Amino acid sequence: MENFENQKFCQSCAMPMADDELYGTNADGTKNEDYCIYCFKDGEFTSDMTMDEMMKFCIDKMCEVHPEFDKDEASAMMMEVFPKLKRWAND
């Protein structure tokens, strides 16, 4: 298993951001280290989703990238992680 201690994760979708090419962008064009390019662009979130909608969207993606997980396992992991992410922590 990878070492997740120093790993950055998108604070919206929990995608690992191993390289800064995956960082979203702020309004001034600088990199945003909290959110990925798929969730945050030009200082704004790319979609107006609830946390539940984001989790549902991400379950299939996670299972594609990690076939060792089934949808129930992916969902359980997301239920644990998503409420702790910066975007959803105050919901």
PDB file of N, CA and C in Angstrom:
ATOM      1  N   MET A   1       0.843  -1.188   0.000  1.00  0.00           N
ATOM      2  CA  MET A   1       0.000   0.000   0.000  1.00  0.00           C
ATOM      3  C   MET A   1       0.887   1.251   0.000  1.00  0.00           C
ATOM      4  N   GLU A   2       0.442   2.261  -0.699  1.00  0.00           N
ATOM      5  CA  GLU A   2       1.209   3.510  -0.783  1.00  0.00           C
ATOM      6  C   GLU A   2       1.219   4.224   0.564  1.00  0.00           C
ATOM      7  N   ASN A   3       2.209   5.082   0.748  1.00  0.00           N
ATOM      8  CA  ASN A   3       2.267   5.923   1.946  1.00  0.00           C
ATOM      9  C   ASN A   3       1.421   7.169   1.690  1.00  0.00           C
ATOM     10  N   PHE A   4       0.312   7.297   2.404  1.00  0.00           N
ATOM     11  CA  PHE A   4      -0.611   8.413   2.183  1.00  0.00           C
ATOM     12  C   PHE A   4      -0.325   9.607   3.090  1.00  0.00           C
ATOM     13  N   GLU A   5       0.627   9.442   4.008  1.00  0.00           N
ATOM     14  CA  GLU A   5       0.876  10.486   4.988  1.00  0.00           C
ATOM     15  C   GLU A   5       1.245  11.828   4.355  1.00  0.00           C
ATOM     16  N   ASN A   6       2.109  11.812   3.363  1.00  0.00           N
ATOM     17  CA  ASN A   6       2.547  13.055   2.726  1.00  0.00           C
ATOM     18  C   ASN A   6       1.825  13.328   1.409  1.00  0.00           C
ATOM     19  N   GLN A   7       0.871  12.512   1.086  1.00  0.00           N
ATOM     20  CA  GLN A   7       0.122  12.635  -0.160  1.00  0.00           C
ATOM     21  C   GLN A   7      -0.909  13.765  -0.059  1.00  0.00           C
ATOM     22  N   LYS A   8      -0.996  14.578  -1.102  1.00  0.00           N
ATOM     23  CA  LYS A   8      -2.045  15.598  -1.157  1.00  0.00           C
ATOM     24  C   LYS A   8      -3.261  14.997  -1.855  1.00  0.00           C
ATOM     25  N   PHE A   9      -4.443  15.325  -1.335  1.00  0.00           N
ATOM     26  CA  PHE A   9      -5.693  14.876  -1.924  1.00  0.00           C
ATOM     27  C   PHE A   9      -6.554  16.096  -2.193  1.00  0.00           C
ATOM     28  N   CYS A  10      -7.294  16.064  -3.297  1.00  0.00           N
ATOM     29  CA  CYS A  10      -8.235  17.142  -3.583  1.00  0.00           C
ATOM     30  C   CYS A  10      -9.213  17.234  -2.426  1.00  0.00           C
ATOM     31  N   GLN A  11      -9.430  18.426  -1.946  1.00  0.00           N
ATOM     32  CA  GLN A  11     -10.311  18.660  -0.812  1.00  0.00           C
ATOM     33  C   GLN A  11     -11.775  18.793  -1.228  1.00  0.00           C
ATOM     34  N   SER A  12     -12.064  18.345  -2.454  1.00  0.00           N
ATOM     35  CA  SER A  12     -13.437  18.290  -2.938  1.00  0.00           C
ATOM     36  C   SER A  12     -13.816  16.866  -3.336  1.00  0.00           C
ATOM     37  N   CYS A  13     -12.935  16.186  -4.111  1.00  0.00           N
ATOM     38  CA  CYS A  13     -13.262  14.846  -4.613  1.00  0.00           C
ATOM     39  C   CYS A  13     -12.368  13.742  -4.059  1.00  0.00           C
ATOM     40  N   ALA A  14     -11.341  14.106  -3.292  1.00  0.00           N
ATOM     41  CA  ALA A  14     -10.408  13.160  -2.658  1.00  0.00           C
ATOM     42  C   ALA A  14      -9.449  12.489  -3.635  1.00  0.00           C
ATOM     43  N   MET A  15      -9.355  12.994  -4.848  1.00  0.00           N
ATOM     44  CA  MET A  15      -8.409  12.423  -5.803  1.00  0.00           C
ATOM     45  C   MET A  15      -6.982  12.709  -5.341  1.00  0.00           C
ATOM     46  N   PRO A  16      -6.103  11.701  -5.389  1.00  0.00           N
ATOM     47  CA  PRO A  16      -4.697  11.965  -5.059  1.00  0.00           C
ATOM     48  C   PRO A  16      -4.098  12.946  -6.062  1.00  0.00           C
ATOM     49  N   MET A  17      -3.345  13.914  -5.559  1.00  0.00           N
ATOM     50  CA  MET A  17      -2.706  14.903  -6.435  1.00  0.00           C
ATOM     51  C   MET A  17      -1.192  14.777  -6.262  1.00  0.00           C
ATOM     52  N   ALA A  18      -0.653  13.754  -6.890  1.00  0.00           N
ATOM     53  CA  ALA A  18       0.767  13.437  -6.745  1.00  0.00           C
ATOM     54  C   ALA A  18       1.657  14.468  -7.430  1.00  0.00           C
ATOM     55  N   ASP A  19       1.116  15.166  -8.385  1.00  0.00           N
ATOM     56  CA  ASP A  19       1.954  16.136  -9.082  1.00  0.00           C
ATOM     57  C   ASP A  19       1.189  17.428  -9.294  1.00  0.00           C
ATOM     58  N   ASP A  20       1.923  18.534  -9.297  1.00  0.00           N
ATOM     59  CA  ASP A  20       1.263  19.842  -9.301  1.00  0.00           C
ATOM     60  C   ASP A  20       0.521  20.148 -10.596  1.00  0.00           C
ATOM     61  N   GLU A  21       0.682  19.305 -11.606  1.00  0.00           N
ATOM     62  CA  GLU A  21      -0.100  19.480 -12.833  1.00  0.00           C
ATOM     63  C   GLU A  21      -1.583  19.188 -12.577  1.00  0.00           C
ATOM     64  N   LEU A  22      -1.869  18.522 -11.485  1.00  0.00           N
ATOM     65  CA  LEU A  22      -3.254  18.191 -11.146  1.00  0.00           C
ATOM     66  C   LEU A  22      -3.909  19.256 -10.270  1.00  0.00           C
ATOM     67  N   TYR A  23      -3.144  20.266  -9.847  1.00  0.00           N
ATOM     68  CA  TYR A  23      -3.701  21.334  -9.007  1.00  0.00           C
ATOM     69  C   TYR A  23      -4.638  22.215  -9.820  1.00  0.00           C
ATOM     70  N   GLY A  24      -5.741  22.603  -9.193  1.00  0.00           N
ATOM     71  CA  GLY A  24      -6.650  23.556  -9.815  1.00  0.00           C
ATOM     72  C   GLY A  24      -6.009  24.936  -9.862  1.00  0.00           C
ATOM     73  N   THR A  25      -6.751  25.900 -10.397  1.00  0.00           N
ATOM     74  CA  THR A  25      -6.201  27.249 -10.521  1.00  0.00           C
ATOM     75  C   THR A  25      -7.071  28.270  -9.797  1.00  0.00           C
ATOM     76  N   ASN A  26      -6.396  29.250  -9.217  1.00  0.00           N
ATOM     77  CA  ASN A  26      -7.067  30.379  -8.586  1.00  0.00           C
ATOM     78  C   ASN A  26      -7.473  31.387  -9.649  1.00  0.00           C
ATOM     79  N   ALA A  27      -8.238  32.393  -9.251  1.00  0.00           N
ATOM     80  CA  ALA A  27      -8.710  33.416 -10.186  1.00  0.00           C
ATOM     81  C   ALA A  27      -7.554  34.130 -10.883  1.00  0.00           C
ATOM     82  N   ASP A  28      -6.421  34.263 -10.174  1.00  0.00           N
ATOM     83  CA  ASP A  28      -5.270  34.956 -10.766  1.00  0.00           C
ATOM     84  C   ASP A  28      -4.361  34.023 -11.571  1.00  0.00           C
ATOM     85  N   GLY A  29      -4.785  32.768 -11.756  1.00  0.00           N
ATOM     86  CA  GLY A  29      -4.024  31.821 -12.558  1.00  0.00           C
ATOM     87  C   GLY A  29      -2.994  31.004 -11.788  1.00  0.00           C
ATOM     88  N   THR A  30      -2.786  31.328 -10.504  1.00  0.00           N
ATOM     89  CA  THR A  30      -1.836  30.552  -9.707  1.00  0.00           C
ATOM     90  C   THR A  30      -2.454  29.199  -9.352  1.00  0.00           C
ATOM     91  N   LYS A  31      -1.594  28.263  -9.013  1.00  0.00           N
ATOM     92  CA  LYS A  31      -2.040  26.915  -8.655  1.00  0.00           C
ATOM     93  C   LYS A  31      -2.733  26.928  -7.290  1.00  0.00           C
ATOM     94  N   ASN A  32      -3.779  26.132  -7.169  1.00  0.00           N
ATOM     95  CA  ASN A  32      -4.472  25.958  -5.899  1.00  0.00           C
ATOM     96  C   ASN A  32      -4.169  24.547  -5.414  1.00  0.00           C
ATOM     97  N   GLU A  33      -3.439  24.427  -4.315  1.00  0.00           N
ATOM     98  CA  GLU A  33      -3.002  23.128  -3.825  1.00  0.00           C
ATOM     99  C   GLU A  33      -4.086  22.357  -3.081  1.00  0.00           C
ATOM    100  N   ASP A  34      -5.235  22.967  -2.835  1.00  0.00           N
ATOM    101  CA  ASP A  34      -6.319  22.289  -2.120  1.00  0.00           C
ATOM    102  C   ASP A  34      -7.230  21.490  -3.049  1.00  0.00           C
ATOM    103  N   TYR A  35      -7.394  21.951  -4.284  1.00  0.00           N
ATOM    104  CA  TYR A  35      -8.374  21.357  -5.183  1.00  0.00           C
ATOM    105  C   TYR A  35      -7.752  20.965  -6.520  1.00  0.00           C
ATOM    106  N   CYS A  36      -8.278  19.898  -7.117  1.00  0.00           N
ATOM    107  CA  CYS A  36      -7.742  19.405  -8.391  1.00  0.00           C
ATOM    108  C   CYS A  36      -8.289  20.198  -9.577  1.00  0.00           C
ATOM    109  N   ILE A  37      -7.678  19.955 -10.740  1.00  0.00           N
ATOM    110  CA  ILE A  37      -8.074  20.648 -11.967  1.00  0.00           C
ATOM    111  C   ILE A  37      -9.504  20.310 -12.393  1.00  0.00           C
ATOM    112  N   TYR A  38      -9.999  19.172 -11.953  1.00  0.00           N
ATOM    113  CA  TYR A  38     -11.354  18.780 -12.334  1.00  0.00           C
ATOM    114  C   TYR A  38     -12.422  19.445 -11.467  1.00  0.00           C
ATOM    115  N   CYS A  39     -12.050  19.827 -10.255  1.00  0.00           N
ATOM    116  CA  CYS A  39     -13.013  20.424  -9.323  1.00  0.00           C
ATOM    117  C   CYS A  39     -12.926  21.950  -9.247  1.00  0.00           C
ATOM    118  N   PHE A  40     -11.766  22.525  -9.546  1.00  0.00           N
ATOM    119  CA  PHE A  40     -11.554  23.955  -9.285  1.00  0.00           C
ATOM    120  C   PHE A  40     -10.768  24.584 -10.423  1.00  0.00           C
ATOM    121  N   LYS A  41     -11.350  25.604 -11.050  1.00  0.00           N
ATOM    122  CA  LYS A  41     -10.699  26.281 -12.176  1.00  0.00           C
ATOM    123  C   LYS A  41     -11.007  27.770 -12.117  1.00  0.00           C
ATOM    124  N   ASP A  42      -9.976  28.575 -12.289  1.00  0.00           N
ATOM    125  CA  ASP A  42     -10.122  30.039 -12.314  1.00  0.00           C
ATOM    126  C   ASP A  42     -10.806  30.580 -11.056  1.00  0.00           C
ATOM    127  N   GLY A  43     -10.490  29.947  -9.907  1.00  0.00           N
ATOM    128  CA  GLY A  43     -11.007  30.439  -8.629  1.00  0.00           C
ATOM    129  C   GLY A  43     -12.408  29.996  -8.288  1.00  0.00           C
ATOM    130  N   GLU A  44     -12.974  29.088  -9.072  1.00  0.00           N
ATOM    131  CA  GLU A  44     -14.346  28.639  -8.810  1.00  0.00           C
ATOM    132  C   GLU A  44     -14.445  27.123  -8.949  1.00  0.00           C
ATOM    133  N   PHE A  45     -15.381  26.545  -8.223  1.00  0.00           N
ATOM    134  CA  PHE A  45     -15.649  25.121  -8.398  1.00  0.00           C
ATOM    135  C   PHE A  45     -16.263  24.919  -9.785  1.00  0.00           C
ATOM    136  N   THR A  46     -15.904  23.817 -10.417  1.00  0.00           N
ATOM    137  CA  THR A  46     -16.360  23.566 -11.790  1.00  0.00           C
ATOM    138  C   THR A  46     -17.791  23.037 -11.835  1.00  0.00           C
ATOM    139  N   SER A  47     -18.302  22.565 -10.703  1.00  0.00           N
ATOM    140  CA  SER A  47     -19.691  22.108 -10.664  1.00  0.00           C
ATOM    141  C   SER A  47     -20.285  22.422  -9.301  1.00  0.00           C
ATOM    142  N   ASP A  48     -21.570  22.647  -9.313  1.00  0.00           N
ATOM    143  CA  ASP A  48     -22.296  22.960  -8.090  1.00  0.00           C
ATOM    144  C   ASP A  48     -22.979  21.683  -7.619  1.00  0.00           C
ATOM    145  N   MET A  49     -22.233  20.873  -6.870  1.00  0.00           N
ATOM    146  CA  MET A  49     -22.748  19.589  -6.393  1.00  0.00           C
ATOM    147  C   MET A  49     -22.819  19.587  -4.877  1.00  0.00           C
ATOM    148  N   THR A  50     -23.688  18.753  -4.366  1.00  0.00           N
ATOM    149  CA  THR A  50     -23.683  18.483  -2.937  1.00  0.00           C
ATOM    150  C   THR A  50     -22.607  17.431  -2.673  1.00  0.00           C
ATOM    151  N   MET A  51     -22.290  17.208  -1.428  1.00  0.00           N
ATOM    152  CA  MET A  51     -21.315  16.175  -1.095  1.00  0.00           C
ATOM    153  C   MET A  51     -21.813  14.807  -1.559  1.00  0.00           C
ATOM    154  N   ASP A  52     -23.084  14.511  -1.371  1.00  0.00           N
ATOM    155  CA  ASP A  52     -23.632  13.218  -1.807  1.00  0.00           C
ATOM    156  C   ASP A  52     -23.539  13.055  -3.318  1.00  0.00           C
ATOM    157  N   GLU A  53     -23.824  14.114  -4.059  1.00  0.00           N
ATOM    158  CA  GLU A  53     -23.718  14.055  -5.521  1.00  0.00           C
ATOM    159  C   GLU A  53     -22.272  13.815  -5.948  1.00  0.00           C
ATOM    160  N   MET A  54     -21.334  14.470  -5.262  1.00  0.00           N
ATOM    161  CA  MET A  54     -19.922  14.284  -5.585  1.00  0.00           C
ATOM    162  C   MET A  54     -19.498  12.845  -5.299  1.00  0.00           C
ATOM    163  N   MET A  55     -19.935  12.295  -4.191  1.00  0.00           N
ATOM    164  CA  MET A  55     -19.584  10.913  -3.864  1.00  0.00           C
ATOM    165  C   MET A  55     -20.132   9.949  -4.915  1.00  0.00           C
ATOM    166  N   LYS A  56     -21.376  10.127  -5.300  1.00  0.00           N
ATOM    167  CA  LYS A  56     -21.975   9.254  -6.322  1.00  0.00           C
ATOM    168  C   LYS A  56     -21.195   9.351  -7.624  1.00  0.00           C
ATOM    169  N   PHE A  57     -20.810  10.561  -8.009  1.00  0.00           N
ATOM    170  CA  PHE A  57     -20.036  10.772  -9.227  1.00  0.00           C
ATOM    171  C   PHE A  57     -18.676  10.064  -9.144  1.00  0.00           C
ATOM    172  N   CYS A  58     -18.058  10.112  -7.978  1.00  0.00           N
ATOM    173  CA  CYS A  58     -16.702   9.577  -7.812  1.00  0.00           C
ATOM    174  C   CYS A  58     -16.643   8.064  -7.641  1.00  0.00           C
ATOM    175  N   ILE A  59     -17.726   7.446  -7.222  1.00  0.00           N
ATOM    176  CA  ILE A  59     -17.704   5.994  -6.978  1.00  0.00           C
ATOM    177  C   ILE A  59     -17.312   5.240  -8.242  1.00  0.00           C
ATOM    178  N   ASP A  60     -17.963   5.529  -9.370  1.00  0.00           N
ATOM    179  CA  ASP A  60     -17.634   4.820 -10.615  1.00  0.00           C
ATOM    180  C   ASP A  60     -16.203   5.105 -11.048  1.00  0.00           C
ATOM    181  N   LYS A  61     -15.775   6.355 -10.898  1.00  0.00           N
ATOM    182  CA  LYS A  61     -14.402   6.721 -11.277  1.00  0.00           C
ATOM    183  C   LYS A  61     -13.392   5.935 -10.442  1.00  0.00           C
ATOM    184  N   MET A  62     -13.648   5.858  -9.145  1.00  0.00           N
ATOM    185  CA  MET A  62     -12.721   5.144  -8.268  1.00  0.00           C
ATOM    186  C   MET A  62     -12.655   3.658  -8.623  1.00  0.00           C
ATOM    187  N   CYS A  63     -13.798   3.074  -8.921  1.00  0.00           N
ATOM    188  CA  CYS A  63     -13.830   1.647  -9.275  1.00  0.00           C
ATOM    189  C   CYS A  63     -13.143   1.377 -10.615  1.00  0.00           C
ATOM    190  N   GLU A  64     -13.179   2.348 -11.529  1.00  0.00           N
ATOM    191  CA  GLU A  64     -12.458   2.215 -12.801  1.00  0.00           C
ATOM    192  C   GLU A  64     -10.950   2.211 -12.565  1.00  0.00           C
ATOM    193  N   VAL A  65     -10.490   3.136 -11.750  1.00  0.00           N
ATOM    194  CA  VAL A  65      -9.059   3.280 -11.486  1.00  0.00           C
ATOM    195  C   VAL A  65      -8.554   2.189 -10.544  1.00  0.00           C
ATOM    196  N   HIS A  66      -9.403   1.764  -9.626  1.00  0.00           N
ATOM    197  CA  HIS A  66      -9.036   0.740  -8.634  1.00  0.00           C
ATOM    198  C   HIS A  66     -10.017  -0.421  -8.710  1.00  0.00           C
ATOM    199  N   PRO A  67      -9.840  -1.322  -9.692  1.00  0.00           N
ATOM    200  CA  PRO A  67     -10.792  -2.431  -9.857  1.00  0.00           C
ATOM    201  C   PRO A  67     -10.840  -3.385  -8.664  1.00  0.00           C
ATOM    202  N   GLU A  68      -9.877  -3.244  -7.753  1.00  0.00           N
ATOM    203  CA  GLU A  68      -9.899  -4.096  -6.559  1.00  0.00           C
ATOM    204  C   GLU A  68     -11.006  -3.695  -5.584  1.00  0.00           C
ATOM    205  N   PHE A  69     -11.607  -2.523  -5.796  1.00  0.00           N
ATOM    206  CA  PHE A  69     -12.715  -2.059  -4.954  1.00  0.00           C
ATOM    207  C   PHE A  69     -14.035  -2.244  -5.690  1.00  0.00           C
ATOM    208  N   ASP A  70     -15.049  -2.721  -4.977  1.00  0.00           N
ATOM    209  CA  ASP A  70     -16.379  -2.718  -5.570  1.00  0.00           C
ATOM    210  C   ASP A  70     -17.088  -1.426  -5.136  1.00  0.00           C
ATOM    211  N   LYS A  71     -18.261  -1.205  -5.666  1.00  0.00           N
ATOM    212  CA  LYS A  71     -18.968   0.058  -5.394  1.00  0.00           C
ATOM    213  C   LYS A  71     -19.304   0.241  -3.915  1.00  0.00           C
ATOM    214  N   ASP A  72     -19.632  -0.846  -3.238  1.00  0.00           N
ATOM    215  CA  ASP A  72     -19.937  -0.743  -1.812  1.00  0.00           C
ATOM    216  C   ASP A  72     -18.706  -0.334  -1.004  1.00  0.00           C
ATOM    217  N   GLU A  73     -17.551  -0.917  -1.351  1.00  0.00           N
ATOM    218  CA  GLU A  73     -16.314  -0.561  -0.652  1.00  0.00           C
ATOM    219  C   GLU A  73     -15.931   0.885  -0.939  1.00  0.00           C
ATOM    220  N   ALA A  74     -16.044   1.295  -2.200  1.00  0.00           N
ATOM    221  CA  ALA A  74     -15.732   2.674  -2.571  1.00  0.00           C
ATOM    222  C   ALA A  74     -16.651   3.646  -1.835  1.00  0.00           C
ATOM    223  N   SER A  75     -17.927   3.320  -1.782  1.00  0.00           N
ATOM    224  CA  SER A  75     -18.894   4.170  -1.101  1.00  0.00           C
ATOM    225  C   SER A  75     -18.577   4.284   0.393  1.00  0.00           C
ATOM    226  N   ALA A  76     -18.243   3.163   1.016  1.00  0.00           N
ATOM    227  CA  ALA A  76     -17.916   3.178   2.449  1.00  0.00           C
ATOM    228  C   ALA A  76     -16.685   4.037   2.720  1.00  0.00           C
ATOM    229  N   MET A  77     -15.678   3.928   1.860  1.00  0.00           N
ATOM    230  CA  MET A  77     -14.475   4.748   2.024  1.00  0.00           C
ATOM    231  C   MET A  77     -14.811   6.231   1.892  1.00  0.00           C
ATOM    232  N   MET A  78     -15.628   6.564   0.909  1.00  0.00           N
ATOM    233  CA  MET A  78     -15.988   7.963   0.680  1.00  0.00           C
ATOM    234  C   MET A  78     -16.822   8.519   1.829  1.00  0.00           C
ATOM    235  N   MET A  79     -17.699   7.696   2.389  1.00  0.00           N
ATOM    236  CA  MET A  79     -18.512   8.149   3.530  1.00  0.00           C
ATOM    237  C   MET A  79     -17.620   8.503   4.715  1.00  0.00           C
ATOM    238  N   GLU A  80     -16.487   7.838   4.815  1.00  0.00           N
ATOM    239  CA  GLU A  80     -15.535   8.102   5.891  1.00  0.00           C
ATOM    240  C   GLU A  80     -14.710   9.357   5.605  1.00  0.00           C
ATOM    241  N   VAL A  81     -14.276   9.527   4.356  1.00  0.00           N
ATOM    242  CA  VAL A  81     -13.321  10.576   3.988  1.00  0.00           C
ATOM    243  C   VAL A  81     -13.979  11.916   3.643  1.00  0.00           C
ATOM    244  N   PHE A  82     -15.032  11.895   2.856  1.00  0.00           N
ATOM    245  CA  PHE A  82     -15.585  13.143   2.309  1.00  0.00           C
ATOM    246  C   PHE A  82     -15.995  14.173   3.361  1.00  0.00           C
ATOM    247  N   PRO A  83     -16.651  13.767   4.467  1.00  0.00           N
ATOM    248  CA  PRO A  83     -17.035  14.787   5.458  1.00  0.00           C
ATOM    249  C   PRO A  83     -15.840  15.514   6.082  1.00  0.00           C
ATOM    250  N   LYS A  84     -14.644  14.960   5.934  1.00  0.00           N
ATOM    251  CA  LYS A  84     -13.438  15.580   6.493  1.00  0.00           C
ATOM    252  C   LYS A  84     -12.734  16.493   5.497  1.00  0.00           C
ATOM    253  N   LEU A  85     -13.136  16.460   4.249  1.00  0.00           N
ATOM    254  CA  LEU A  85     -12.502  17.305   3.228  1.00  0.00           C
ATOM    255  C   LEU A  85     -12.920  18.755   3.417  1.00  0.00           C
ATOM    256  N   LYS A  86     -12.018  19.662   3.088  1.00  0.00           N
ATOM    257  CA  LYS A  86     -12.226  21.098   3.322  1.00  0.00           C
ATOM    258  C   LYS A  86     -13.537  21.609   2.714  1.00  0.00           C
ATOM    259  N   ARG A  87     -13.861  21.176   1.487  1.00  0.00           N
ATOM    260  CA  ARG A  87     -15.078  21.684   0.827  1.00  0.00           C
ATOM    261  C   ARG A  87     -16.340  21.277   1.572  1.00  0.00           C
ATOM    262  N   TRP A  88     -16.345  20.113   2.198  1.00  0.00           N
ATOM    263  CA  TRP A  88     -17.557  19.566   2.794  1.00  0.00           C
ATOM    264  C   TRP A  88     -17.589  19.646   4.318  1.00  0.00           C
ATOM    265  N   ALA A  89     -16.499  19.980   4.937  1.00  0.00           N
ATOM    266  CA  ALA A  89     -16.378  19.940   6.409  1.00  0.00           C
ATOM    267  C   ALA A  89     -17.402  20.809   7.117  1.00  0.00           C
ATOM    268  N   ASN A  90     -17.847  21.882   6.495  1.00  0.00           N
ATOM    269  CA  ASN A  90     -18.794  22.798   7.145  1.00  0.00           C
ATOM    270  C   ASN A  90     -20.236  22.550   6.783  1.00  0.00           C
ATOM    271  N   ASP A  91     -20.479  21.522   5.943  1.00  0.00           N
ATOM    272  CA  ASP A  91     -21.865  21.206   5.531  1.00  0.00           C
ATOM    273  C   ASP A  91     -22.665  20.642   6.675  1.00  0.00           C
TER     274      ASP A  91
END
